[in-house]
PDB file of N, CA and C in Angstrom:
ATOM      1  N   MET A   1     -18.169  -9.140  -4.767  1.00  0.00           N
ATOM      2  CA  MET A   1     -17.654  -8.597  -6.014  1.00  0.00           C
ATOM      3  C   MET A   1     -16.168  -8.970  -6.134  1.00  0.00           C
ATOM      4  N   ALA A   2     -15.793  -9.515  -7.234  1.00  0.00           N
ATOM      5  CA  ALA A   2     -14.409  -9.945  -7.458  1.00  0.00           C
ATOM      6  C   ALA A   2     -13.553  -8.762  -7.914  1.00  0.00           C
ATOM      7  N   MET A   3     -12.272  -8.891  -7.638  1.00  0.00           N
ATOM      8  CA  MET A   3     -11.334  -7.856  -8.063  1.00  0.00           C
ATOM      9  C   MET A   3     -11.094  -7.940  -9.554  1.00  0.00           C
ATOM     10  N   GLU A   4     -11.030  -6.771 -10.179  1.00  0.00           N
ATOM     11  CA  GLU A   4     -10.680  -6.726 -11.586  1.00  0.00           C
ATOM     12  C   GLU A   4      -9.162  -6.804 -11.717  1.00  0.00           C
ATOM     13  N   GLU A   5      -8.701  -7.104 -12.915  1.00  0.00           N
ATOM     14  CA  GLU A   5      -7.272  -7.306 -13.152  1.00  0.00           C
ATOM     15  C   GLU A   5      -6.445  -6.063 -12.809  1.00  0.00           C
ATOM     16  N   HIS A   6      -6.924  -4.876 -13.183  1.00  0.00           N
ATOM     17  CA  HIS A   6      -6.159  -3.659 -12.885  1.00  0.00           C
ATOM     18  C   HIS A   6      -6.117  -3.384 -11.386  1.00  0.00           C
ATOM     19  N   GLU A   7      -7.130  -3.777 -10.645  1.00  0.00           N
ATOM     20  CA  GLU A   7      -7.115  -3.625  -9.190  1.00  0.00           C
ATOM     21  C   GLU A   7      -6.094  -4.575  -8.561  1.00  0.00           C
ATOM     22  N   LYS A   8      -6.039  -5.796  -9.083  1.00  0.00           N
ATOM     23  CA  LYS A   8      -5.035  -6.757  -8.592  1.00  0.00           C
ATOM     24  C   LYS A   8      -3.629  -6.224  -8.834  1.00  0.00           C
ATOM     25  N   LYS A   9      -3.413  -5.675 -10.038  1.00  0.00           N
ATOM     26  CA  LYS A   9      -2.088  -5.124 -10.368  1.00  0.00           C
ATOM     27  C   LYS A   9      -1.739  -3.953  -9.460  1.00  0.00           C
ATOM     28  N   ALA A  10      -2.723  -3.079  -9.190  1.00  0.00           N
ATOM     29  CA  ALA A  10      -2.465  -1.925  -8.315  1.00  0.00           C
ATOM     30  C   ALA A  10      -2.049  -2.389  -6.923  1.00  0.00           C
ATOM     31  N   PHE A  11      -2.725  -3.395  -6.391  1.00  0.00           N
ATOM     32  CA  PHE A  11      -2.358  -3.921  -5.077  1.00  0.00           C
ATOM     33  C   PHE A  11      -0.978  -4.576  -5.115  1.00  0.00           C
ATOM     34  N   ASP A  12      -0.722  -5.336  -6.158  1.00  0.00           N
ATOM     35  CA  ASP A  12       0.583  -5.993  -6.280  1.00  0.00           C
ATOM     36  C   ASP A  12       1.719  -4.972  -6.357  1.00  0.00           C
ATOM     37  N   PHE A  13       1.544  -3.948  -7.195  1.00  0.00           N
ATOM     38  CA  PHE A  13       2.584  -2.935  -7.343  1.00  0.00           C
ATOM     39  C   PHE A  13       2.780  -2.145  -6.052  1.00  0.00           C
ATOM     40  N   ALA A  14       1.687  -1.806  -5.374  1.00  0.00           N
ATOM     41  CA  ALA A  14       1.790  -1.072  -4.105  1.00  0.00           C
ATOM     42  C   ALA A  14       2.532  -1.913  -3.061  1.00  0.00           C
ATOM     43  N   ALA A  15       2.179  -3.182  -2.969  1.00  0.00           N
ATOM     44  CA  ALA A  15       2.843  -4.069  -2.001  1.00  0.00           C
ATOM     45  C   ALA A  15       4.314  -4.263  -2.371  1.00  0.00           C
ATOM     46  N   ASP A  16       4.606  -4.447  -3.653  1.00  0.00           N
ATOM     47  CA  ASP A  16       5.991  -4.648  -4.086  1.00  0.00           C
ATOM     48  C   ASP A  16       6.857  -3.421  -3.813  1.00  0.00           C
ATOM     49  N   LEU A  17       6.332  -2.225  -4.137  1.00  0.00           N
ATOM     50  CA  LEU A  17       7.094  -1.003  -3.870  1.00  0.00           C
ATOM     51  C   LEU A  17       7.358  -0.859  -2.378  1.00  0.00           C
ATOM     52  N   THR A  18       6.339  -1.116  -1.577  1.00  0.00           N
ATOM     53  CA  THR A  18       6.486  -1.008  -0.123  1.00  0.00           C
ATOM     54  C   THR A  18       7.546  -1.975   0.388  1.00  0.00           C
ATOM     55  N   LYS A  19       7.503  -3.210  -0.078  1.00  0.00           N
ATOM     56  CA  LYS A  19       8.483  -4.217   0.364  1.00  0.00           C
ATOM     57  C   LYS A  19       9.894  -3.862  -0.101  1.00  0.00           C
ATOM     58  N   GLN A  20      10.018  -3.318  -1.306  1.00  0.00           N
ATOM     59  CA  GLN A  20      11.337  -2.926  -1.813  1.00  0.00           C
ATOM     60  C   GLN A  20      11.942  -1.814  -0.962  1.00  0.00           C
ATOM     61  N   LEU A  21      11.120  -0.820  -0.603  1.00  0.00           N
ATOM     62  CA  LEU A  21      11.640   0.271   0.217  1.00  0.00           C
ATOM     63  C   LEU A  21      11.991  -0.203   1.624  1.00  0.00           C
ATOM     64  N   ILE A  22      11.204  -1.117   2.176  1.00  0.00           N
ATOM     65  CA  ILE A  22      11.537  -1.692   3.483  1.00  0.00           C
ATOM     66  C   ILE A  22      12.870  -2.437   3.396  1.00  0.00           C
ATOM     67  N   THR A  23      13.039  -3.221   2.350  1.00  0.00           N
ATOM     68  CA  THR A  23      14.268  -3.985   2.165  1.00  0.00           C
ATOM     69  C   THR A  23      15.478  -3.062   1.988  1.00  0.00           C
ATOM     70  N   LEU A  24      15.331  -2.042   1.158  1.00  0.00           N
ATOM     71  CA  LEU A  24      16.434  -1.095   0.947  1.00  0.00           C
ATOM     72  C   LEU A  24      16.792  -0.358   2.234  1.00  0.00           C
ATOM     73  N   ALA A  25      15.784   0.133   2.942  1.00  0.00           N
ATOM     74  CA  ALA A  25      16.048   0.864   4.182  1.00  0.00           C
ATOM     75  C   ALA A  25      16.731  -0.034   5.209  1.00  0.00           C
ATOM     76  N   THR A  26      16.242  -1.248   5.352  1.00  0.00           N
ATOM     77  CA  THR A  26      16.837  -2.189   6.298  1.00  0.00           C
ATOM     78  C   THR A  26      18.277  -2.516   5.905  1.00  0.00           C
ATOM     79  N   SER A  27      18.504  -2.730   4.626  1.00  0.00           N
ATOM     80  CA  SER A  27      19.853  -3.056   4.146  1.00  0.00           C
ATOM     81  C   SER A  27      20.821  -1.902   4.351  1.00  0.00           C
ATOM     82  N   ILE A  28      20.387  -0.692   4.042  1.00  0.00           N
ATOM     83  CA  ILE A  28      21.264   0.470   4.192  1.00  0.00           C
ATOM     84  C   ILE A  28      21.622   0.679   5.660  1.00  0.00           C
ATOM     85  N   VAL A  29      20.621   0.572   6.542  1.00  0.00           N
ATOM     86  CA  VAL A  29      20.892   0.744   7.976  1.00  0.00           C
ATOM     87  C   VAL A  29      21.835  -0.353   8.466  1.00  0.00           C
ATOM     88  N   THR A  30      21.573  -1.596   8.085  1.00  0.00           N
ATOM     89  CA  THR A  30      22.427  -2.712   8.513  1.00  0.00           C
ATOM     90  C   THR A  30      23.857  -2.531   8.023  1.00  0.00           C
ATOM     91  N   PHE A  31      24.009  -2.205   6.754  1.00  0.00           N
ATOM     92  CA  PHE A  31      25.339  -2.023   6.167  1.00  0.00           C
ATOM     93  C   PHE A  31      26.074  -0.864   6.836  1.00  0.00           C
ATOM     94  N   SER A  32      25.374   0.252   7.006  1.00  0.00           N
ATOM     95  CA  SER A  32      26.057   1.416   7.587  1.00  0.00           C
ATOM     96  C   SER A  32      26.369   1.212   9.066  1.00  0.00           C
ATOM     97  N   LEU A  33      25.517   0.504   9.792  1.00  0.00           N
ATOM     98  CA  LEU A  33      25.821   0.219  11.190  1.00  0.00           C
ATOM     99  C   LEU A  33      26.990  -0.755  11.320  1.00  0.00           C
ATOM    100  N   ALA A  34      27.113  -1.671  10.365  1.00  0.00           N
ATOM    101  CA  ALA A  34      28.224  -2.618  10.396  1.00  0.00           C
ATOM    102  C   ALA A  34      29.568  -1.904  10.261  1.00  0.00           C
ATOM    103  N   PHE A  35      29.577  -0.794   9.525  1.00  0.00           N
ATOM    104  CA  PHE A  35      30.810  -0.044   9.316  1.00  0.00           C
ATOM    105  C   PHE A  35      30.804   1.286  10.051  1.00  0.00           C
ATOM    106  N   SER A  36      29.927   1.433  11.036  1.00  0.00           N
ATOM    107  CA  SER A  36      29.808   2.720  11.726  1.00  0.00           C
ATOM    108  C   SER A  36      31.048   3.071  12.540  1.00  0.00           C
ATOM    109  N   ASP A  37      31.862   2.082  12.868  1.00  0.00           N
ATOM    110  CA  ASP A  37      33.088   2.384  13.617  1.00  0.00           C
ATOM    111  C   ASP A  37      34.080   3.191  12.775  1.00  0.00           C
ATOM    112  N   HIS A  38      33.891   3.239  11.467  1.00  0.00           N
ATOM    113  CA  HIS A  38      34.755   4.015  10.585  1.00  0.00           C
ATOM    114  C   HIS A  38      34.242   5.444  10.391  1.00  0.00           C
ATOM    115  N   PHE A  39      33.032   5.737  10.913  1.00  0.00           N
ATOM    116  CA  PHE A  39      32.453   7.064  10.773  1.00  0.00           C
ATOM    117  C   PHE A  39      32.868   7.926  11.960  1.00  0.00           C
ATOM    118  N   PRO A  40      32.868   9.225  11.754  1.00  0.00           N
ATOM    119  CA  PRO A  40      33.086  10.113  12.904  1.00  0.00           C
ATOM    120  C   PRO A  40      31.970   9.905  13.932  1.00  0.00           C
ATOM    121  N   LYS A  41      32.332   9.837  15.198  1.00  0.00           N
ATOM    122  CA  LYS A  41      31.362   9.555  16.254  1.00  0.00           C
ATOM    123  C   LYS A  41      30.307  10.647  16.389  1.00  0.00           C
ATOM    124  N   GLN A  42      30.619  11.866  16.026  1.00  0.00           N
ATOM    125  CA  GLN A  42      29.700  12.975  16.218  1.00  0.00           C
ATOM    126  C   GLN A  42      28.799  13.216  15.008  1.00  0.00           C
ATOM    127  N   SER A  43      28.695  12.281  14.119  1.00  0.00           N
ATOM    128  CA  SER A  43      27.961  12.498  12.886  1.00  0.00           C
ATOM    129  C   SER A  43      26.447  12.504  13.108  1.00  0.00           C
ATOM    130  N   ARG A  44      25.914  13.695  13.189  1.00  0.00           N
ATOM    131  CA  ARG A  44      24.472  13.859  13.351  1.00  0.00           C
ATOM    132  C   ARG A  44      23.736  13.469  12.064  1.00  0.00           C
ATOM    133  N   LEU A  45      24.343  13.731  10.921  1.00  0.00           N
ATOM    134  CA  LEU A  45      23.704  13.381   9.643  1.00  0.00           C
ATOM    135  C   LEU A  45      23.436  11.879   9.548  1.00  0.00           C
ATOM    136  N   ALA A  46      24.380  11.068   9.972  1.00  0.00           N
ATOM    137  CA  ALA A  46      24.196   9.613   9.916  1.00  0.00           C
ATOM    138  C   ALA A  46      23.078   9.179  10.857  1.00  0.00           C
ATOM    139  N   ARG A  47      23.062   9.731  12.067  1.00  0.00           N
ATOM    140  CA  ARG A  47      21.994   9.372  13.018  1.00  0.00           C
ATOM    141  C   ARG A  47      20.629   9.800  12.496  1.00  0.00           C
ATOM    142  N   ASP A  48      20.556  10.994  11.910  1.00  0.00           N
ATOM    143  CA  ASP A  48      19.293  11.463  11.348  1.00  0.00           C
ATOM    144  C   ASP A  48      18.848  10.576  10.192  1.00  0.00           C
ATOM    145  N   ALA A  49      19.791  10.171   9.354  1.00  0.00           N
ATOM    146  CA  ALA A  49      19.453   9.275   8.238  1.00  0.00           C
ATOM    147  C   ALA A  49      18.919   7.947   8.759  1.00  0.00           C
ATOM    148  N   TRP A  50      19.573   7.378   9.775  1.00  0.00           N
ATOM    149  CA  TRP A  50      19.092   6.120  10.351  1.00  0.00           C
ATOM    150  C   TRP A  50      17.690   6.283  10.915  1.00  0.00           C
ATOM    151  N   PHE A  51      17.441   7.419  11.557  1.00  0.00           N
ATOM    152  CA  PHE A  51      16.111   7.691  12.107  1.00  0.00           C
ATOM    153  C   PHE A  51      15.059   7.691  10.999  1.00  0.00           C
ATOM    154  N   PHE A  52      15.335   8.393   9.896  1.00  0.00           N
ATOM    155  CA  PHE A  52      14.359   8.460   8.812  1.00  0.00           C
ATOM    156  C   PHE A  52      14.207   7.122   8.094  1.00  0.00           C
ATOM    157  N   TYR A  53      15.275   6.321   8.008  1.00  0.00           N
ATOM    158  CA  TYR A  53      15.125   4.969   7.467  1.00  0.00           C
ATOM    159  C   TYR A  53      14.202   4.140   8.368  1.00  0.00           C
ATOM    160  N   LEU A  54      14.371   4.259   9.675  1.00  0.00           N
ATOM    161  CA  LEU A  54      13.507   3.536  10.609  1.00  0.00           C
ATOM    162  C   LEU A  54      12.051   3.984  10.461  1.00  0.00           C
ATOM    163  N   ILE A  55      11.844   5.283  10.358  1.00  0.00           N
ATOM    164  CA  ILE A  55      10.487   5.801  10.162  1.00  0.00           C
ATOM    165  C   ILE A  55       9.913   5.269   8.849  1.00  0.00           C
ATOM    166  N   SER A  56      10.720   5.230   7.811  1.00  0.00           N
ATOM    167  CA  SER A  56      10.286   4.699   6.521  1.00  0.00           C
ATOM    168  C   SER A  56       9.852   3.237   6.644  1.00  0.00           C
ATOM    169  N   ILE A  57      10.616   2.458   7.397  1.00  0.00           N
ATOM    170  CA  ILE A  57      10.274   1.051   7.606  1.00  0.00           C
ATOM    171  C   ILE A  57       8.930   0.939   8.334  1.00  0.00           C
ATOM    172  N   LEU A  58       8.734   1.753   9.358  1.00  0.00           N
ATOM    173  CA  LEU A  58       7.476   1.709  10.112  1.00  0.00           C
ATOM    174  C   LEU A  58       6.287   2.116   9.248  1.00  0.00           C
ATOM    175  N   PHE A  59       6.457   3.158   8.433  1.00  0.00           N
ATOM    176  CA  PHE A  59       5.377   3.546   7.519  1.00  0.00           C
ATOM    177  C   PHE A  59       5.121   2.452   6.481  1.00  0.00           C
ATOM    178  N   GLY A  60       6.168   1.751   6.070  1.00  0.00           N
ATOM    179  CA  GLY A  60       5.994   0.634   5.139  1.00  0.00           C
ATOM    180  C   GLY A  60       5.182  -0.486   5.753  1.00  0.00           C
ATOM    181  N   LEU A  61       5.449  -0.792   7.008  1.00  0.00           N
ATOM    182  CA  LEU A  61       4.655  -1.814   7.692  1.00  0.00           C
ATOM    183  C   LEU A  61       3.204  -1.377   7.825  1.00  0.00           C
ATOM    184  N   TRP A  62       2.994  -0.095   8.113  1.00  0.00           N
ATOM    185  CA  TRP A  62       1.638   0.445   8.189  1.00  0.00           C
ATOM    186  C   TRP A  62       0.943   0.294   6.830  1.00  0.00           C
ATOM    187  N   THR A  63       1.659   0.582   5.751  1.00  0.00           N
ATOM    188  CA  THR A  63       1.092   0.454   4.413  1.00  0.00           C
ATOM    189  C   THR A  63       0.687  -0.990   4.133  1.00  0.00           C
ATOM    190  N   LEU A  64       1.556  -1.931   4.462  1.00  0.00           N
ATOM    191  CA  LEU A  64       1.220  -3.338   4.229  1.00  0.00           C
ATOM    192  C   LEU A  64       0.012  -3.770   5.053  1.00  0.00           C
ATOM    193  N   MET A  65      -0.091  -3.286   6.279  1.00  0.00           N
ATOM    194  CA  MET A  65      -1.260  -3.604   7.096  1.00  0.00           C
ATOM    195  C   MET A  65      -2.520  -2.984   6.500  1.00  0.00           C
ATOM    196  N   ALA A  66      -2.415  -1.766   5.972  1.00  0.00           N
ATOM    197  CA  ALA A  66      -3.558  -1.112   5.347  1.00  0.00           C
ATOM    198  C   ALA A  66      -3.990  -1.857   4.082  1.00  0.00           C
ATOM    199  N   LEU A  67      -3.016  -2.332   3.306  1.00  0.00           N
ATOM    200  CA  LEU A  67      -3.357  -3.131   2.125  1.00  0.00           C
ATOM    201  C   LEU A  67      -4.093  -4.403   2.530  1.00  0.00           C
ATOM    202  N   THR A  68      -3.611  -5.052   3.564  1.00  0.00           N
ATOM    203  CA  THR A  68      -4.261  -6.269   4.049  1.00  0.00           C
ATOM    204  C   THR A  68      -5.665  -5.969   4.538  1.00  0.00           C
ATOM    205  N   GLY A  69      -5.823  -4.872   5.274  1.00  0.00           N
ATOM    206  CA  GLY A  69      -7.141  -4.499   5.766  1.00  0.00           C
ATOM    207  C   GLY A  69      -8.112  -4.155   4.653  1.00  0.00           C
ATOM    208  N   THR A  70      -7.597  -3.614   3.567  1.00  0.00           N
ATOM    209  CA  THR A  70      -8.454  -3.291   2.427  1.00  0.00           C
ATOM    210  C   THR A  70      -8.901  -4.560   1.719  1.00  0.00           C
ATOM    211  N   LEU A  71      -8.010  -5.540   1.635  1.00  0.00           N
ATOM    212  CA  LEU A  71      -8.363  -6.797   0.969  1.00  0.00           C
ATOM    213  C   LEU A  71      -9.219  -7.707   1.844  1.00  0.00           C
ATOM    214  N   ALA A  72      -9.052  -7.633   3.142  1.00  0.00           N
ATOM    215  CA  ALA A  72      -9.780  -8.509   4.061  1.00  0.00           C
ATOM    216  C   ALA A  72     -10.317  -7.700   5.238  1.00  0.00           C
ATOM    217  N   PRO A  73     -11.363  -6.880   5.013  1.00  0.00           N
ATOM    218  CA  PRO A  73     -11.891  -6.066   6.101  1.00  0.00           C
ATOM    219  C   PRO A  73     -12.553  -6.931   7.172  1.00  0.00           C
ATOM    220  N   THR A  74     -12.587  -6.420   8.389  1.00  0.00           N
ATOM    221  CA  THR A  74     -13.147  -7.192   9.502  1.00  0.00           C
ATOM    222  C   THR A  74     -14.664  -7.251   9.458  1.00  0.00           C
ATOM    223  N   GLY A  75     -15.316  -6.329   8.794  1.00  0.00           N
ATOM    224  CA  GLY A  75     -16.775  -6.265   8.794  1.00  0.00           C
ATOM    225  C   GLY A  75     -17.466  -7.144   7.779  1.00  0.00           C
ATOM    226  N   GLY A  76     -16.760  -7.930   7.046  1.00  0.00           N
ATOM    227  CA  GLY A  76     -17.395  -8.788   6.048  1.00  0.00           C
ATOM    228  C   GLY A  76     -16.713  -8.693   4.707  1.00  0.00           C
ATOM    229  N   ALA A  77     -17.437  -9.037   3.695  1.00  0.00           N
ATOM    230  CA  ALA A  77     -16.887  -9.075   2.341  1.00  0.00           C
ATOM    231  C   ALA A  77     -16.627  -7.672   1.815  1.00  0.00           C
ATOM    232  N   ALA A  78     -15.467  -7.481   1.226  1.00  0.00           N
ATOM    233  CA  ALA A  78     -15.119  -6.191   0.638  1.00  0.00           C
ATOM    234  C   ALA A  78     -15.758  -6.062  -0.733  1.00  0.00           C
ATOM    235  N   THR A  79     -16.253  -4.858  -1.010  1.00  0.00           N
ATOM    236  CA  THR A  79     -16.829  -4.623  -2.328  1.00  0.00           C
ATOM    237  C   THR A  79     -16.064  -3.567  -3.104  1.00  0.00           C
ATOM    238  N   ASP A  80     -15.299  -2.740  -2.411  1.00  0.00           N
ATOM    239  CA  ASP A  80     -14.543  -1.673  -3.055  1.00  0.00           C
ATOM    240  C   ASP A  80     -13.056  -1.898  -2.800  1.00  0.00           C
ATOM    241  N   PHE A  81     -12.329  -2.243  -3.852  1.00  0.00           N
ATOM    242  CA  PHE A  81     -10.920  -2.578  -3.708  1.00  0.00           C
ATOM    243  C   PHE A  81      -9.990  -1.449  -4.149  1.00  0.00           C
ATOM    244  N   THR A  82     -10.489  -0.235  -4.210  1.00  0.00           N
ATOM    245  CA  THR A  82      -9.625   0.866  -4.624  1.00  0.00           C
ATOM    246  C   THR A  82      -8.680   1.249  -3.492  1.00  0.00           C
ATOM    247  N   LEU A  83      -7.525   1.755  -3.878  1.00  0.00           N
ATOM    248  CA  LEU A  83      -6.529   2.194  -2.900  1.00  0.00           C
ATOM    249  C   LEU A  83      -6.903   3.596  -2.434  1.00  0.00           C
ATOM    250  N   LYS A  84      -7.393   3.686  -1.211  1.00  0.00           N
ATOM    251  CA  LYS A  84      -7.831   4.962  -0.662  1.00  0.00           C
ATOM    252  C   LYS A  84      -6.752   5.515   0.264  1.00  0.00           C
ATOM    253  N   TRP A  85      -7.097   6.585   0.987  1.00  0.00           N
ATOM    254  CA  TRP A  85      -6.121   7.267   1.827  1.00  0.00           C
ATOM    255  C   TRP A  85      -5.625   6.421   2.982  1.00  0.00           C
ATOM    256  N   ASN A  86      -6.359   5.371   3.351  1.00  0.00           N
ATOM    257  CA  ASN A  86      -5.847   4.492   4.405  1.00  0.00           C
ATOM    258  C   ASN A  86      -4.577   3.775   3.951  1.00  0.00           C
ATOM    259  N   VAL A  87      -4.401   3.644   2.639  1.00  0.00           N
ATOM    260  CA  VAL A  87      -3.183   3.058   2.064  1.00  0.00           C
ATOM    261  C   VAL A  87      -2.271   4.153   1.525  1.00  0.00           C
ATOM    262  N   ARG A  88      -2.854   5.145   0.884  1.00  0.00           N
ATOM    263  CA  ARG A  88      -2.053   6.187   0.235  1.00  0.00           C
ATOM    264  C   ARG A  88      -1.256   7.031   1.225  1.00  0.00           C
ATOM    265  N   LEU A  89      -1.859   7.362   2.376  1.00  0.00           N
ATOM    266  CA  LEU A  89      -1.158   8.198   3.354  1.00  0.00           C
ATOM    267  C   LEU A  89       0.104   7.530   3.895  1.00  0.00           C
ATOM    268  N   PRO A  90       0.022   6.307   4.434  1.00  0.00           N
ATOM    269  CA  PRO A  90       1.278   5.710   4.925  1.00  0.00           C
ATOM    270  C   PRO A  90       2.281   5.448   3.805  1.00  0.00           C
ATOM    271  N   SER A  91       1.787   5.148   2.606  1.00  0.00           N
ATOM    272  CA  SER A  91       2.696   4.928   1.484  1.00  0.00           C
ATOM    273  C   SER A  91       3.427   6.218   1.129  1.00  0.00           C
ATOM    274  N   LEU A  92       2.690   7.321   1.077  1.00  0.00           N
ATOM    275  CA  LEU A  92       3.305   8.622   0.792  1.00  0.00           C
ATOM    276  C   LEU A  92       4.322   8.984   1.869  1.00  0.00           C
ATOM    277  N   LEU A  93       3.964   8.756   3.129  1.00  0.00           N
ATOM    278  CA  LEU A  93       4.888   9.058   4.226  1.00  0.00           C
ATOM    279  C   LEU A  93       6.127   8.163   4.181  1.00  0.00           C
ATOM    280  N   GLN A  94       5.942   6.907   3.767  1.00  0.00           N
ATOM    281  CA  GLN A  94       7.098   6.015   3.627  1.00  0.00           C
ATOM    282  C   GLN A  94       8.044   6.530   2.560  1.00  0.00           C
ATOM    283  N   ILE A  95       7.502   6.900   1.417  1.00  0.00           N
ATOM    284  CA  ILE A  95       8.332   7.372   0.307  1.00  0.00           C
ATOM    285  C   ILE A  95       9.043   8.668   0.679  1.00  0.00           C
ATOM    286  N   LEU A  96       8.324   9.595   1.326  1.00  0.00           N
ATOM    287  CA  LEU A  96       8.941  10.864   1.734  1.00  0.00           C
ATOM    288  C   LEU A  96      10.054  10.652   2.757  1.00  0.00           C
ATOM    289  N   SER A  97       9.795   9.826   3.765  1.00  0.00           N
ATOM    290  CA  SER A  97      10.827   9.602   4.784  1.00  0.00           C
ATOM    291  C   SER A  97      12.023   8.861   4.197  1.00  0.00           C
ATOM    292  N   PHE A  98      11.786   7.941   3.269  1.00  0.00           N
ATOM    293  CA  PHE A  98      12.897   7.264   2.605  1.00  0.00           C
ATOM    294  C   PHE A  98      13.712   8.264   1.788  1.00  0.00           C
ATOM    295  N   GLY A  99      13.031   9.162   1.079  1.00  0.00           N
ATOM    296  CA  GLY A  99      13.729  10.180   0.292  1.00  0.00           C
ATOM    297  C   GLY A  99      14.564  11.103   1.153  1.00  0.00           C
ATOM    298  N   ILE A 100      14.014  11.522   2.299  1.00  0.00           N
ATOM    299  CA  ILE A 100      14.767  12.364   3.232  1.00  0.00           C
ATOM    300  C   ILE A 100      15.996  11.608   3.740  1.00  0.00           C
ATOM    301  N   ALA A 101      15.811  10.336   4.071  1.00  0.00           N
ATOM    302  CA  ALA A 101      16.929   9.524   4.560  1.00  0.00           C
ATOM    303  C   ALA A 101      18.024   9.404   3.505  1.00  0.00           C
ATOM    304  N   VAL A 102      17.631   9.214   2.260  1.00  0.00           N
ATOM    305  CA  VAL A 102      18.622   9.106   1.181  1.00  0.00           C
ATOM    306  C   VAL A 102      19.385  10.426   1.031  1.00  0.00           C
ATOM    307  N   LEU A 103      18.675  11.544   1.075  1.00  0.00           N
ATOM    308  CA  LEU A 103      19.346  12.847   0.973  1.00  0.00           C
ATOM    309  C   LEU A 103      20.304  13.068   2.142  1.00  0.00           C
ATOM    310  N   LEU A 104      19.892  12.681   3.343  1.00  0.00           N
ATOM    311  CA  LEU A 104      20.788  12.798   4.498  1.00  0.00           C
ATOM    312  C   LEU A 104      22.005  11.888   4.349  1.00  0.00           C
ATOM    313  N   THR A 105      21.792  10.705   3.808  1.00  0.00           N
ATOM    314  CA  THR A 105      22.902   9.769   3.584  1.00  0.00           C
ATOM    315  C   THR A 105      23.888  10.339   2.571  1.00  0.00           C
ATOM    316  N   ILE A 106      23.371  10.900   1.505  1.00  0.00           N
ATOM    317  CA  ILE A 106      24.236  11.507   0.485  1.00  0.00           C
ATOM    318  C   ILE A 106      25.005  12.682   1.083  1.00  0.00           C
ATOM    319  N   SER A 107      24.325  13.500   1.894  1.00  0.00           N
ATOM    320  CA  SER A 107      24.993  14.620   2.538  1.00  0.00           C
ATOM    321  C   SER A 107      26.085  14.137   3.476  1.00  0.00           C
ATOM    322  N   PHE A 108      25.764  13.105   4.256  1.00  0.00           N
ATOM    323  CA  PHE A 108      26.751  12.554   5.183  1.00  0.00           C
ATOM    324  C   PHE A 108      27.975  12.024   4.446  1.00  0.00           C
ATOM    325  N   VAL A 109      27.740  11.268   3.399  1.00  0.00           N
ATOM    326  CA  VAL A 109      28.861  10.708   2.631  1.00  0.00           C
ATOM    327  C   VAL A 109      29.686  11.825   2.006  1.00  0.00           C
ATOM    328  N   GLY A 110      29.025  12.851   1.514  1.00  0.00           N
ATOM    329  CA  GLY A 110      29.736  13.992   0.925  1.00  0.00           C
ATOM    330  C   GLY A 110      30.614  14.702   1.937  1.00  0.00           C
ATOM    331  N   PHE A 111      30.084  14.948   3.148  1.00  0.00           N
ATOM    332  CA  PHE A 111      30.869  15.607   4.200  1.00  0.00           C
ATOM    333  C   PHE A 111      31.959  14.691   4.743  1.00  0.00           C
ATOM    334  N   TRP A 112      31.633  13.431   4.896  1.00  0.00           N
ATOM    335  CA  TRP A 112      32.568  12.477   5.474  1.00  0.00           C
ATOM    336  C   TRP A 112      33.728  12.200   4.525  1.00  0.00           C
ATOM    337  N   TRP A 113      33.442  12.177   3.227  1.00  0.00           N
ATOM    338  CA  TRP A 113      34.428  11.832   2.233  1.00  0.00           C
ATOM    339  C   TRP A 113      35.523  12.882   2.132  1.00  0.00           C
ATOM    340  N   HIS A 114      35.168  14.130   2.381  1.00  0.00           N
ATOM    341  CA  HIS A 114      36.163  15.213   2.232  1.00  0.00           C
ATOM    342  C   HIS A 114      36.985  15.400   3.437  1.00  0.00           C
TER     343      HIS A 114
END
């Protein structure tokens, strides 16, 4: 059974969102680590934010693997291309951990700035 156009779009959008969040998380961690010598050494908020960005990246990789597994299952030809919980769960966890990391980053910048 071939994929319908809306199914192709759903997979494309899911993969694109996942890749964008991985890219943003990686960029934020890289940028902040490059300038970490300017931060207070005892900043727990920054370390917690980096941790949640890393978790977000890992959940993003899990999501991409789940998307690949849905499109190319090991047991033969796929007939159902809907995005199920094998994709939705890691995607939801990626978005939540990224959101927590952003809130921690904002909190850190707010405390550090004053």
